[in-house]
Amino acid sequence: MSSVKDPEAQKLLDNDIDTSKEKAAAAASFTKAAYSCALYASCSVSMVLVNKSLASSYNHLIDGDLNILLVVFQAVIAVMAVSFCKMVGWVEYPKFNMATAKQWAPVNIMFCAMLFTGMASLQHNSVPMVTIFKNITNIVVTAGDFYFFGSKVEGLVMAAFGIMLSGAIFAAKNDVSITFVGLFWMAMNCLATAGYILYMKFATKNVKLTKFGMVYYNNVLCAVFLLPCSLMNGEFTTFLKTGDIHTADYFWKNTFAGFIGFFLNFASLNCVSNTGPTTYAIVGSLTKIPTALLGWTLFDTEITPQTWFFIGVSMSGGFLYSY
């Protein structure tokens, strides 16, 4: 009898061990994902607030804007930061290689496309209209995540997107104007943003680099692609001619923004790698809530009743998604 019972007892014991291991692995995976999302959200909010501080302090002194040039400057600071970390032995990644750069280049091309189409869409659309399309972009990202990576799309996820999109439309119903040109640029921005997020997921899985190596290539190529653009559209000339911003305060604020950008780069890549494009997109949307509240507190930014409603609906959609 004991010879019959022993194998059965051993089988039950093995099943219990396997179950415990699965639970431990699931808990570790959830913790890793939650940490990645929290890091990305905090860096994203910090970046917006730092740039808002720069804009509120210096934009009135500038005849035009320096958006692209500031991205270049912050990318250079990020390259210097990650290079310093490598020099002192904190991180490791291989030397610059053209073949690897070509593999990573589509991420930066998509990023540049997202940047340019985003600026064009804001010129031809109202902010509420842009907000609506940002929510549509999340749905496109989810569809791409399902098609390209086979990610399962649950009903609650689509319900969360539906609630957030409906909230954006309702909040913007009195301030939505549509033109063919505006619709074109919003559609292009939607596709560029989705392409950027989805290819970033592909690159983090297939390009043989550490996360910090990805940060290095991302910022090097960003500076290479965008510096000529800032020269061609006159931003570099505007910077040289605007003596009022040639101050230590302006330099240090931009340097600090560059360091935040360095951490944001790492956090973005880490979040996409550990979770997926859909979660990355939804976290990005939800960061608008603390950004709006902190902007209201720190910069006396007005929050309209429609915005309060959108914040409430977005929170509801976010809770539904996390559930």
C-alpha atoms as a PDB file:
ATOM      1  CA  MET A   1       0.000   0.000   0.000  1.00  0.00           C
ATOM      2  CA  SER A   2       2.808   2.400   0.864  1.00  0.00           C
ATOM      3  CA  SER A   3       4.388   1.857  -2.569  1.00  0.00           C
ATOM      4  CA  VAL A   4       1.107   2.983  -4.161  1.00  0.00           C
ATOM      5  CA  LYS A   5       0.584   5.948  -1.904  1.00  0.00           C
ATOM      6  CA  ASP A   6       4.136   7.288  -2.048  1.00  0.00           C
ATOM      7  CA  PRO A   7       4.096   8.194  -5.767  1.00  0.00           C
ATOM      8  CA  GLU A   8       0.736   9.892  -5.336  1.00  0.00           C
ATOM      9  CA  ALA A   9       1.977  11.865  -2.337  1.00  0.00           C
ATOM     10  CA  GLN A  10       5.122  12.838  -4.239  1.00  0.00           C
ATOM     11  CA  LYS A  11       2.992  13.962  -7.199  1.00  0.00           C
ATOM     12  CA  LEU A  12       0.862  16.149  -4.921  1.00  0.00           C
ATOM     13  CA  LEU A  13       3.999  17.578  -3.335  1.00  0.00           C
ATOM     14  CA  ASP A  14       5.480  18.346  -6.757  1.00  0.00           C
ATOM     15  CA  ASN A  15       2.249  20.046  -7.822  1.00  0.00           C
ATOM     16  CA  ASP A  16       2.291  22.193  -4.678  1.00  0.00           C
ATOM     17  CA  ILE A  17       5.907  23.183  -5.341  1.00  0.00           C
ATOM     18  CA  ASP A  18       5.124  24.048  -8.975  1.00  0.00           C
ATOM     19  CA  THR A  19       2.126  26.104  -7.892  1.00  0.00           C
ATOM     20  CA  SER A  20       4.205  27.969  -5.311  1.00  0.00           C
ATOM     21  CA  LYS A  21       6.878  28.688  -7.924  1.00  0.00           C
ATOM     22  CA  GLU A  22       4.264  29.969 -10.378  1.00  0.00           C
ATOM     23  CA  LYS A  23       2.752  32.246  -7.723  1.00  0.00           C
ATOM     24  CA  ALA A  24       6.194  33.560  -6.762  1.00  0.00           C
ATOM     25  CA  ALA A  25       7.066  34.191 -10.417  1.00  0.00           C
ATOM     26  CA  ALA A  26       3.734  35.950 -11.005  1.00  0.00           C
ATOM     27  CA  ALA A  27       4.234  38.121  -7.914  1.00  0.00           C
ATOM     28  CA  ALA A  28       7.770  39.021  -9.000  1.00  0.00           C
ATOM     29  CA  SER A  29       6.551  39.850 -12.525  1.00  0.00           C
ATOM     30  CA  PHE A  30       3.759  42.065 -11.160  1.00  0.00           C
ATOM     31  CA  THR A  31       6.169  43.887  -8.840  1.00  0.00           C
ATOM     32  CA  LYS A  32       8.599  44.459 -11.706  1.00  0.00           C
ATOM     33  CA  ALA A  33       5.827  45.771 -13.957  1.00  0.00           C
ATOM     34  CA  ALA A  34       4.397  48.032 -11.241  1.00  0.00           C
ATOM     35  CA  TYR A  35       7.848  49.456 -10.503  1.00  0.00           C
ATOM     36  CA  SER A  36       8.458  50.072 -14.220  1.00  0.00           C
ATOM     37  CA  CYS A  37       5.127  51.891 -14.609  1.00  0.00           C
ATOM     38  CA  ALA A  38       5.653  53.994 -11.470  1.00  0.00           C
ATOM     39  CA  LEU A  39       9.168  54.991 -12.577  1.00  0.00           C
ATOM     40  CA  TYR A  40       7.976  55.925 -16.070  1.00  0.00           C
ATOM     41  CA  ALA A  41       5.002  57.901 -14.732  1.00  0.00           C
ATOM     42  CA  SER A  42       7.099  59.865 -12.206  1.00  0.00           C
ATOM     43  CA  CYS A  43       9.789  60.676 -14.794  1.00  0.00           C
ATOM     44  CA  SER A  44       7.185  61.683 -17.375  1.00  0.00           C
ATOM     45  CA  VAL A  45       5.396  64.038 -14.961  1.00  0.00           C
ATOM     46  CA  SER A  46       8.728  65.493 -13.795  1.00  0.00           C
ATOM     47  CA  MET A  47       9.810  66.138 -17.392  1.00  0.00           C
ATOM     48  CA  VAL A  48       6.587  67.984 -18.218  1.00  0.00           C
ATOM     49  CA  LEU A  49       6.826  70.128 -15.077  1.00  0.00           C
ATOM     50  CA  VAL A  50      10.500  71.009 -15.685  1.00  0.00           C
ATOM     51  CA  ASN A  51       9.746  72.040 -19.273  1.00  0.00           C
ATOM     52  CA  LYS A  52       6.695  73.963 -18.063  1.00  0.00           C
ATOM     53  CA  SER A  53       8.932  75.823 -15.618  1.00  0.00           C
ATOM     54  CA  LEU A  54      11.331  76.664 -18.441  1.00  0.00           C
ATOM     55  CA  ALA A  55       8.510  77.856 -20.677  1.00  0.00           C
ATOM     56  CA  SER A  56       6.850  79.998 -18.018  1.00  0.00           C
ATOM     57  CA  SER A  57      10.196  81.598 -17.077  1.00  0.00           C
ATOM     58  CA  TYR A  58      11.690  82.277 -20.506  1.00  0.00           C
ATOM     59  CA  ASN A  59       9.182  81.951 -23.356  1.00  0.00           C
ATOM     60  CA  HIS A  60       8.200  85.632 -23.107  1.00  0.00           C
ATOM     61  CA  LEU A  61      11.830  86.533 -23.869  1.00  0.00           C
ATOM     62  CA  ILE A  62      12.003  84.445 -27.047  1.00  0.00           C
ATOM     63  CA  ASP A  63      10.673  85.579 -30.419  1.00  0.00           C
ATOM     64  CA  GLY A  64       9.468  82.170 -31.616  1.00  0.00           C
ATOM     65  CA  ASP A  65      10.161  78.835 -29.959  1.00  0.00           C
ATOM     66  CA  LEU A  66      13.111  76.550 -29.280  1.00  0.00           C
ATOM     67  CA  ASN A  67      11.272  73.245 -28.869  1.00  0.00           C
ATOM     68  CA  ILE A  68      13.451  71.117 -31.141  1.00  0.00           C
ATOM     69  CA  LEU A  69      16.728  72.727 -30.037  1.00  0.00           C
ATOM     70  CA  LEU A  70      15.851  72.035 -26.397  1.00  0.00           C
ATOM     71  CA  VAL A  71      15.230  68.360 -27.238  1.00  0.00           C
ATOM     72  CA  VAL A  72      18.692  68.278 -28.868  1.00  0.00           C
ATOM     73  CA  PHE A  73      20.327  69.931 -25.846  1.00  0.00           C
ATOM     74  CA  GLN A  74      18.615  67.537 -23.452  1.00  0.00           C
ATOM     75  CA  ALA A  75      19.666  64.566 -25.614  1.00  0.00           C
ATOM     76  CA  VAL A  76      23.300  65.728 -25.467  1.00  0.00           C
ATOM     77  CA  ILE A  77      23.080  65.976 -21.668  1.00  0.00           C
ATOM     78  CA  ALA A  78      21.614  62.452 -21.531  1.00  0.00           C
ATOM     79  CA  VAL A  79      24.480  61.122 -23.682  1.00  0.00           C
ATOM     80  CA  MET A  80      26.984  62.779 -21.350  1.00  0.00           C
ATOM     81  CA  ALA A  81      25.206  61.294 -18.307  1.00  0.00           C
ATOM     82  CA  VAL A  82      25.138  57.713 -19.600  1.00  0.00           C
ATOM     83  CA  SER A  83      28.750  58.025 -20.864  1.00  0.00           C
ATOM     84  CA  PHE A  84      29.862  59.177 -17.398  1.00  0.00           C
ATOM     85  CA  CYS A  85      28.054  56.227 -15.799  1.00  0.00           C
ATOM     86  CA  LYS A  86      29.919  53.878 -18.150  1.00  0.00           C
ATOM     87  CA  MET A  87      33.257  55.598 -17.487  1.00  0.00           C
ATOM     88  CA  VAL A  88      32.997  55.083 -13.702  1.00  0.00           C
ATOM     89  CA  GLY A  89      31.823  51.500 -14.164  1.00  0.00           C
ATOM     90  CA  TRP A  90      28.208  51.864 -13.039  1.00  0.00           C
ATOM     91  CA  VAL A  91      26.765  50.617 -16.341  1.00  0.00           C
ATOM     92  CA  GLU A  92      28.093  48.727 -19.347  1.00  0.00           C
ATOM     93  CA  TYR A  93      27.285  48.819 -23.058  1.00  0.00           C
ATOM     94  CA  PRO A  94      29.360  48.307 -26.240  1.00  0.00           C
ATOM     95  CA  LYS A  95      31.080  51.077 -28.194  1.00  0.00           C
ATOM     96  CA  PHE A  96      29.149  52.897 -30.907  1.00  0.00           C
ATOM     97  CA  ASN A  97      28.536  50.582 -33.853  1.00  0.00           C
ATOM     98  CA  MET A  98      26.952  51.668 -37.143  1.00  0.00           C
ATOM     99  CA  ALA A  99      25.129  48.354 -37.651  1.00  0.00           C
ATOM    100  CA  THR A 100      23.488  48.678 -34.229  1.00  0.00           C
ATOM    101  CA  ALA A 101      22.683  52.332 -34.945  1.00  0.00           C
ATOM    102  CA  LYS A 102      20.863  51.299 -38.143  1.00  0.00           C
ATOM    103  CA  GLN A 103      18.820  48.792 -36.157  1.00  0.00           C
ATOM    104  CA  TRP A 104      17.861  51.453 -33.621  1.00  0.00           C
ATOM    105  CA  ALA A 105      17.379  54.314 -36.124  1.00  0.00           C
ATOM    106  CA  PRO A 106      13.680  53.571 -36.871  1.00  0.00           C
ATOM    107  CA  VAL A 107      12.861  54.344 -33.214  1.00  0.00           C
ATOM    108  CA  ASN A 108      14.317  57.839 -33.621  1.00  0.00           C
ATOM    109  CA  ILE A 109      12.774  58.346 -37.060  1.00  0.00           C
ATOM    110  CA  MET A 110       9.365  57.524 -35.567  1.00  0.00           C
ATOM    111  CA  PHE A 111      10.118  59.818 -32.632  1.00  0.00           C
ATOM    112  CA  CYS A 112      10.977  62.703 -34.978  1.00  0.00           C
ATOM    113  CA  ALA A 113       7.823  62.017 -36.990  1.00  0.00           C
ATOM    114  CA  MET A 114       5.801  62.009 -33.770  1.00  0.00           C
ATOM    115  CA  LEU A 115       7.378  65.313 -32.730  1.00  0.00           C
ATOM    116  CA  PHE A 116       6.764  67.081 -36.036  1.00  0.00           C
ATOM    117  CA  THR A 117       3.228  65.788 -36.589  1.00  0.00           C
ATOM    118  CA  GLY A 118       2.388  66.634 -32.968  1.00  0.00           C
ATOM    119  CA  MET A 119       3.477  70.236 -33.489  1.00  0.00           C
ATOM    120  CA  ALA A 120       1.574  70.448 -36.789  1.00  0.00           C
ATOM    121  CA  SER A 121      -1.572  68.969 -35.246  1.00  0.00           C
ATOM    122  CA  LEU A 122      -1.508  71.550 -32.432  1.00  0.00           C
ATOM    123  CA  GLN A 123      -1.275  74.318 -35.038  1.00  0.00           C
ATOM    124  CA  HIS A 124      -4.380  73.111 -36.892  1.00  0.00           C
ATOM    125  CA  ASN A 125      -6.500  71.683 -34.054  1.00  0.00           C
ATOM    126  CA  SER A 126      -7.772  72.726 -30.659  1.00  0.00           C
ATOM    127  CA  VAL A 127      -6.220  71.136 -27.562  1.00  0.00           C
ATOM    128  CA  PRO A 128      -9.445  69.176 -26.767  1.00  0.00           C
ATOM    129  CA  MET A 129      -9.393  67.705 -30.284  1.00  0.00           C
ATOM    130  CA  VAL A 130      -5.776  66.635 -29.798  1.00  0.00           C
ATOM    131  CA  THR A 131      -6.761  65.011 -26.485  1.00  0.00           C
ATOM    132  CA  ILE A 132      -9.465  62.972 -28.216  1.00  0.00           C
ATOM    133  CA  PHE A 133      -7.007  61.687 -30.799  1.00  0.00           C
ATOM    134  CA  LYS A 134      -4.473  60.816 -28.105  1.00  0.00           C
ATOM    135  CA  ASN A 135      -7.074  58.401 -26.740  1.00  0.00           C
ATOM    136  CA  ILE A 136      -7.670  57.013 -30.231  1.00  0.00           C
ATOM    137  CA  THR A 137      -3.907  56.492 -30.499  1.00  0.00           C
ATOM    138  CA  ASN A 138      -4.076  54.245 -27.427  1.00  0.00           C
ATOM    139  CA  ILE A 139      -6.626  52.060 -29.210  1.00  0.00           C
ATOM    140  CA  VAL A 140      -4.386  51.886 -32.318  1.00  0.00           C
ATOM    141  CA  VAL A 141      -1.441  50.870 -30.088  1.00  0.00           C
ATOM    142  CA  THR A 142      -3.554  48.126 -28.507  1.00  0.00           C
ATOM    143  CA  ALA A 143      -4.560  46.829 -31.952  1.00  0.00           C
ATOM    144  CA  GLY A 144      -0.894  46.840 -33.033  1.00  0.00           C
ATOM    145  CA  ASP A 145       0.135  45.110 -29.820  1.00  0.00           C
ATOM    146  CA  PHE A 146      -2.387  42.353 -30.576  1.00  0.00           C
ATOM    147  CA  TYR A 147      -1.457  42.058 -34.280  1.00  0.00           C
ATOM    148  CA  PHE A 148       2.334  42.217 -34.054  1.00  0.00           C
ATOM    149  CA  PHE A 149       3.063  40.712 -30.640  1.00  0.00           C
ATOM    150  CA  GLY A 150       0.020  38.520 -30.040  1.00  0.00           C
ATOM    151  CA  SER A 151      -0.888  40.282 -26.784  1.00  0.00           C
ATOM    152  CA  LYS A 152      -4.268  39.296 -25.405  1.00  0.00           C
ATOM    153  CA  VAL A 153      -6.811  42.126 -25.363  1.00  0.00           C
ATOM    154  CA  GLU A 154      -9.380  41.682 -22.603  1.00  0.00           C
ATOM    155  CA  GLY A 155     -12.835  43.183 -22.586  1.00  0.00           C
ATOM    156  CA  LEU A 156     -12.054  45.364 -19.571  1.00  0.00           C
ATOM    157  CA  VAL A 157      -9.130  46.925 -21.448  1.00  0.00           C
ATOM    158  CA  MET A 158     -11.358  47.978 -24.333  1.00  0.00           C
ATOM    159  CA  ALA A 159     -13.992  49.169 -21.862  1.00  0.00           C
ATOM    160  CA  ALA A 160     -11.368  51.335 -20.135  1.00  0.00           C
ATOM    161  CA  PHE A 161     -10.320  52.862 -23.462  1.00  0.00           C
ATOM    162  CA  GLY A 162     -13.968  53.434 -24.370  1.00  0.00           C
ATOM    163  CA  ILE A 163     -14.646  55.250 -21.098  1.00  0.00           C
ATOM    164  CA  MET A 164     -11.574  57.472 -21.461  1.00  0.00           C
ATOM    165  CA  LEU A 165     -12.367  58.278 -25.111  1.00  0.00           C
ATOM    166  CA  SER A 166     -15.998  59.065 -24.260  1.00  0.00           C
ATOM    167  CA  GLY A 167     -14.870  61.319 -21.427  1.00  0.00           C
ATOM    168  CA  ALA A 168     -12.505  63.209 -23.726  1.00  0.00           C
ATOM    169  CA  ILE A 169     -15.232  63.681 -26.352  1.00  0.00           C
ATOM    170  CA  PHE A 170     -17.769  64.863 -23.763  1.00  0.00           C
ATOM    171  CA  ALA A 171     -15.282  67.276 -22.174  1.00  0.00           C
ATOM    172  CA  ALA A 172     -14.401  68.699 -25.587  1.00  0.00           C
ATOM    173  CA  LYS A 173     -17.877  68.758 -27.154  1.00  0.00           C
ATOM    174  CA  ASN A 174     -18.106  72.557 -27.043  1.00  0.00           C
ATOM    175  CA  ASP A 175     -14.572  73.143 -28.275  1.00  0.00           C
ATOM    176  CA  VAL A 176     -14.056  70.682 -31.118  1.00  0.00           C
ATOM    177  CA  SER A 177     -13.476  72.011 -34.611  1.00  0.00           C
ATOM    178  CA  ILE A 178     -12.436  69.796 -37.508  1.00  0.00           C
ATOM    179  CA  THR A 179     -10.692  70.742 -40.731  1.00  0.00           C
ATOM    180  CA  PHE A 180      -9.272  68.441 -43.400  1.00  0.00           C
ATOM    181  CA  VAL A 181      -5.722  69.669 -42.745  1.00  0.00           C
ATOM    182  CA  GLY A 182      -6.136  69.297 -38.979  1.00  0.00           C
ATOM    183  CA  LEU A 183      -7.597  65.805 -39.366  1.00  0.00           C
ATOM    184  CA  PHE A 184      -4.713  64.808 -41.665  1.00  0.00           C
ATOM    185  CA  TRP A 185      -2.038  65.899 -39.190  1.00  0.00           C
ATOM    186  CA  MET A 186      -3.838  64.278 -36.274  1.00  0.00           C
ATOM    187  CA  ALA A 187      -4.067  60.994 -38.195  1.00  0.00           C
ATOM    188  CA  MET A 188      -0.362  61.223 -39.058  1.00  0.00           C
ATOM    189  CA  ASN A 189       0.475  61.908 -35.404  1.00  0.00           C
ATOM    190  CA  CYS A 190      -1.663  58.966 -34.333  1.00  0.00           C
ATOM    191  CA  LEU A 191       0.178  56.612 -36.711  1.00  0.00           C
ATOM    192  CA  ALA A 192       3.626  58.033 -35.869  1.00  0.00           C
ATOM    193  CA  THR A 193       3.028  57.734 -32.114  1.00  0.00           C
ATOM    194  CA  ALA A 194       1.704  54.180 -32.419  1.00  0.00           C
ATOM    195  CA  GLY A 195       4.613  53.247 -34.696  1.00  0.00           C
ATOM    196  CA  TYR A 196       7.105  54.713 -32.232  1.00  0.00           C
ATOM    197  CA  ILE A 197       5.706  52.767 -29.270  1.00  0.00           C
ATOM    198  CA  LEU A 198       5.323  49.486 -31.169  1.00  0.00           C
ATOM    199  CA  TYR A 199       8.758  49.596 -32.791  1.00  0.00           C
ATOM    200  CA  MET A 200      10.301  50.502 -29.436  1.00  0.00           C
ATOM    201  CA  LYS A 201       8.827  47.249 -28.085  1.00  0.00           C
ATOM    202  CA  PHE A 202      10.312  45.350 -31.051  1.00  0.00           C
ATOM    203  CA  ALA A 203      13.695  47.019 -30.614  1.00  0.00           C
ATOM    204  CA  THR A 204      13.913  46.318 -26.867  1.00  0.00           C
ATOM    205  CA  LYS A 205      13.361  42.619 -27.611  1.00  0.00           C
ATOM    206  CA  ASN A 206      15.513  42.222 -30.719  1.00  0.00           C
ATOM    207  CA  VAL A 207      18.381  44.726 -30.603  1.00  0.00           C
ATOM    208  CA  LYS A 208      21.130  43.168 -28.505  1.00  0.00           C
ATOM    209  CA  LEU A 209      21.780  46.031 -26.103  1.00  0.00           C
ATOM    210  CA  THR A 210      21.468  46.691 -22.400  1.00  0.00           C
ATOM    211  CA  LYS A 211      18.860  49.271 -21.387  1.00  0.00           C
ATOM    212  CA  PHE A 212      21.579  51.865 -20.880  1.00  0.00           C
ATOM    213  CA  GLY A 213      23.024  51.036 -24.282  1.00  0.00           C
ATOM    214  CA  MET A 214      19.588  51.744 -25.707  1.00  0.00           C
ATOM    215  CA  VAL A 215      19.511  55.065 -23.852  1.00  0.00           C
ATOM    216  CA  TYR A 216      22.903  55.920 -25.367  1.00  0.00           C
ATOM    217  CA  TYR A 217      21.924  55.105 -28.966  1.00  0.00           C
ATOM    218  CA  ASN A 218      18.503  56.700 -28.569  1.00  0.00           C
ATOM    219  CA  ASN A 219      19.945  60.062 -27.527  1.00  0.00           C
ATOM    220  CA  VAL A 220      22.926  60.045 -29.907  1.00  0.00           C
ATOM    221  CA  LEU A 221      20.645  59.440 -32.888  1.00  0.00           C
ATOM    222  CA  CYS A 222      18.080  61.914 -31.564  1.00  0.00           C
ATOM    223  CA  ALA A 223      20.724  64.661 -31.525  1.00  0.00           C
ATOM    224  CA  VAL A 224      22.003  63.657 -34.979  1.00  0.00           C
ATOM    225  CA  PHE A 225      18.526  63.720 -36.538  1.00  0.00           C
ATOM    226  CA  LEU A 226      17.155  66.829 -34.825  1.00  0.00           C
ATOM    227  CA  LEU A 227      20.146  69.199 -34.822  1.00  0.00           C
ATOM    228  CA  PRO A 228      19.922  69.813 -38.606  1.00  0.00           C
ATOM    229  CA  CYS A 229      16.179  70.421 -38.185  1.00  0.00           C
ATOM    230  CA  SER A 230      16.808  73.082 -35.521  1.00  0.00           C
ATOM    231  CA  LEU A 231      19.326  74.737 -37.853  1.00  0.00           C
ATOM    232  CA  MET A 232      16.989  74.688 -40.861  1.00  0.00           C
ATOM    233  CA  ASN A 233      13.953  76.109 -39.042  1.00  0.00           C
ATOM    234  CA  GLY A 234      16.007  78.914 -37.476  1.00  0.00           C
ATOM    235  CA  GLU A 235      15.834  77.838 -33.837  1.00  0.00           C
ATOM    236  CA  PHE A 236      19.610  77.821 -33.426  1.00  0.00           C
ATOM    237  CA  THR A 237      19.813  81.346 -34.872  1.00  0.00           C
ATOM    238  CA  THR A 238      16.976  82.469 -32.571  1.00  0.00           C
ATOM    239  CA  PHE A 239      18.877  81.079 -29.584  1.00  0.00           C
ATOM    240  CA  LEU A 240      22.072  82.936 -30.530  1.00  0.00           C
ATOM    241  CA  LYS A 241      20.216  86.228 -31.051  1.00  0.00           C
ATOM    242  CA  THR A 242      18.264  86.043 -27.757  1.00  0.00           C
ATOM    243  CA  GLY A 243      20.819  87.300 -25.256  1.00  0.00           C
ATOM    244  CA  ASP A 244      18.301  87.411 -22.385  1.00  0.00           C
ATOM    245  CA  ILE A 245      18.335  83.602 -22.111  1.00  0.00           C
ATOM    246  CA  HIS A 246      22.125  83.292 -22.057  1.00  0.00           C
ATOM    247  CA  THR A 247      22.119  82.938 -18.277  1.00  0.00           C
ATOM    248  CA  ALA A 248      23.396  80.396 -15.790  1.00  0.00           C
ATOM    249  CA  ASP A 249      19.826  79.780 -14.586  1.00  0.00           C
ATOM    250  CA  TYR A 250      18.608  78.882 -18.088  1.00  0.00           C
ATOM    251  CA  PHE A 251      21.620  76.616 -18.610  1.00  0.00           C
ATOM    252  CA  TRP A 252      21.200  74.768 -15.324  1.00  0.00           C
ATOM    253  CA  LYS A 253      17.443  74.313 -15.782  1.00  0.00           C
ATOM    254  CA  ASN A 254      18.052  72.785 -19.216  1.00  0.00           C
ATOM    255  CA  THR A 255      20.843  70.631 -17.808  1.00  0.00           C
ATOM    256  CA  PHE A 256      18.507  69.380 -15.082  1.00  0.00           C
ATOM    257  CA  ALA A 257      15.876  68.682 -17.756  1.00  0.00           C
ATOM    258  CA  GLY A 258      18.529  66.684 -19.625  1.00  0.00           C
ATOM    259  CA  PHE A 259      19.147  64.515 -16.569  1.00  0.00           C
ATOM    260  CA  ILE A 260      15.398  63.971 -16.185  1.00  0.00           C
ATOM    261  CA  GLY A 261      15.341  63.039 -19.880  1.00  0.00           C
ATOM    262  CA  PHE A 262      18.098  60.496 -19.241  1.00  0.00           C
ATOM    263  CA  PHE A 263      16.002  58.798 -16.543  1.00  0.00           C
ATOM    264  CA  LEU A 264      12.837  59.142 -18.667  1.00  0.00           C
ATOM    265  CA  ASN A 265      14.552  57.354 -21.560  1.00  0.00           C
ATOM    266  CA  PHE A 266      15.537  54.470 -19.310  1.00  0.00           C
ATOM    267  CA  ALA A 267      12.095  54.392 -17.666  1.00  0.00           C
ATOM    268  CA  SER A 268      10.282  54.368 -21.040  1.00  0.00           C
ATOM    269  CA  LEU A 269      12.366  51.510 -22.426  1.00  0.00           C
ATOM    270  CA  ASN A 270      12.057  49.609 -19.162  1.00  0.00           C
ATOM    271  CA  CYS A 271       8.276  50.074 -19.040  1.00  0.00           C
ATOM    272  CA  VAL A 272       7.730  48.930 -22.648  1.00  0.00           C
ATOM    273  CA  SER A 273      10.039  45.942 -22.163  1.00  0.00           C
ATOM    274  CA  ASN A 274       8.519  44.763 -18.857  1.00  0.00           C
ATOM    275  CA  THR A 275       4.859  45.428 -19.644  1.00  0.00           C
ATOM    276  CA  GLY A 276       4.015  46.131 -23.279  1.00  0.00           C
ATOM    277  CA  PRO A 277       2.904  48.882 -25.679  1.00  0.00           C
ATOM    278  CA  THR A 278      -0.694  48.916 -24.408  1.00  0.00           C
ATOM    279  CA  THR A 279       0.241  49.415 -20.760  1.00  0.00           C
ATOM    280  CA  TYR A 280       2.884  51.977 -21.736  1.00  0.00           C
ATOM    281  CA  ALA A 281       0.260  53.945 -23.693  1.00  0.00           C
ATOM    282  CA  ILE A 282      -2.334  53.861 -20.907  1.00  0.00           C
ATOM    283  CA  VAL A 283       0.212  54.911 -18.264  1.00  0.00           C
ATOM    284  CA  GLY A 284       1.225  57.795 -20.520  1.00  0.00           C
ATOM    285  CA  SER A 285      -2.406  58.897 -20.720  1.00  0.00           C
ATOM    286  CA  LEU A 286      -2.922  58.637 -16.971  1.00  0.00           C
ATOM    287  CA  THR A 287       0.117  60.820 -16.243  1.00  0.00           C
ATOM    288  CA  LYS A 288      -1.967  63.748 -17.521  1.00  0.00           C
ATOM    289  CA  ILE A 289      -3.936  63.572 -14.241  1.00  0.00           C
ATOM    290  CA  PRO A 290      -1.056  64.323 -11.795  1.00  0.00           C
ATOM    291  CA  THR A 291       0.434  66.706 -14.384  1.00  0.00           C
ATOM    292  CA  ALA A 292      -2.785  68.726 -14.495  1.00  0.00           C
ATOM    293  CA  LEU A 293      -3.137  68.739 -10.703  1.00  0.00           C
ATOM    294  CA  LEU A 294       0.505  69.702 -10.096  1.00  0.00           C
ATOM    295  CA  GLY A 295       0.309  72.357 -12.829  1.00  0.00           C
ATOM    296  CA  TRP A 296      -2.734  73.781 -11.068  1.00  0.00           C
ATOM    297  CA  THR A 297      -0.864  73.798  -7.736  1.00  0.00           C
ATOM    298  CA  LEU A 298       2.576  74.985  -8.866  1.00  0.00           C
ATOM    299  CA  PHE A 299       1.817  77.255 -11.826  1.00  0.00           C
ATOM    300  CA  ASP A 300      -1.734  78.464 -11.063  1.00  0.00           C
ATOM    301  CA  THR A 301      -2.960  76.794 -14.256  1.00  0.00           C
ATOM    302  CA  GLU A 302      -6.735  77.019 -14.564  1.00  0.00           C
ATOM    303  CA  ILE A 303      -8.643  73.727 -14.532  1.00  0.00           C
ATOM    304  CA  THR A 304     -12.072  74.106 -16.127  1.00  0.00           C
ATOM    305  CA  PRO A 305     -15.101  72.023 -15.065  1.00  0.00           C
ATOM    306  CA  GLN A 306     -14.709  70.066 -18.310  1.00  0.00           C
ATOM    307  CA  THR A 307     -11.101  69.242 -17.371  1.00  0.00           C
ATOM    308  CA  TRP A 308     -12.163  68.122 -13.879  1.00  0.00           C
ATOM    309  CA  PHE A 309     -14.732  65.860 -15.529  1.00  0.00           C
ATOM    310  CA  PHE A 310     -12.102  64.426 -17.890  1.00  0.00           C
ATOM    311  CA  ILE A 311      -9.743  63.805 -14.942  1.00  0.00           C
ATOM    312  CA  GLY A 312     -12.484  61.893 -13.133  1.00  0.00           C
ATOM    313  CA  VAL A 313     -13.356  59.819 -16.183  1.00  0.00           C
ATOM    314  CA  SER A 314      -9.671  59.113 -16.908  1.00  0.00           C
ATOM    315  CA  MET A 315      -9.176  57.916 -13.346  1.00  0.00           C
ATOM    316  CA  SER A 316     -12.193  55.620 -13.701  1.00  0.00           C
ATOM    317  CA  GLY A 317     -10.805  54.225 -16.955  1.00  0.00           C
ATOM    318  CA  GLY A 318      -7.384  53.764 -15.378  1.00  0.00           C
ATOM    319  CA  PHE A 319      -8.799  51.883 -12.383  1.00  0.00           C
ATOM    320  CA  LEU A 320     -10.830  49.679 -14.738  1.00  0.00           C
ATOM    321  CA  TYR A 321      -7.722  48.941 -16.810  1.00  0.00           C
ATOM    322  CA  SER A 322      -5.616  48.064 -13.763  1.00  0.00           C
ATOM    323  CA  TYR A 323      -8.385  45.781 -12.509  1.00  0.00           C
END
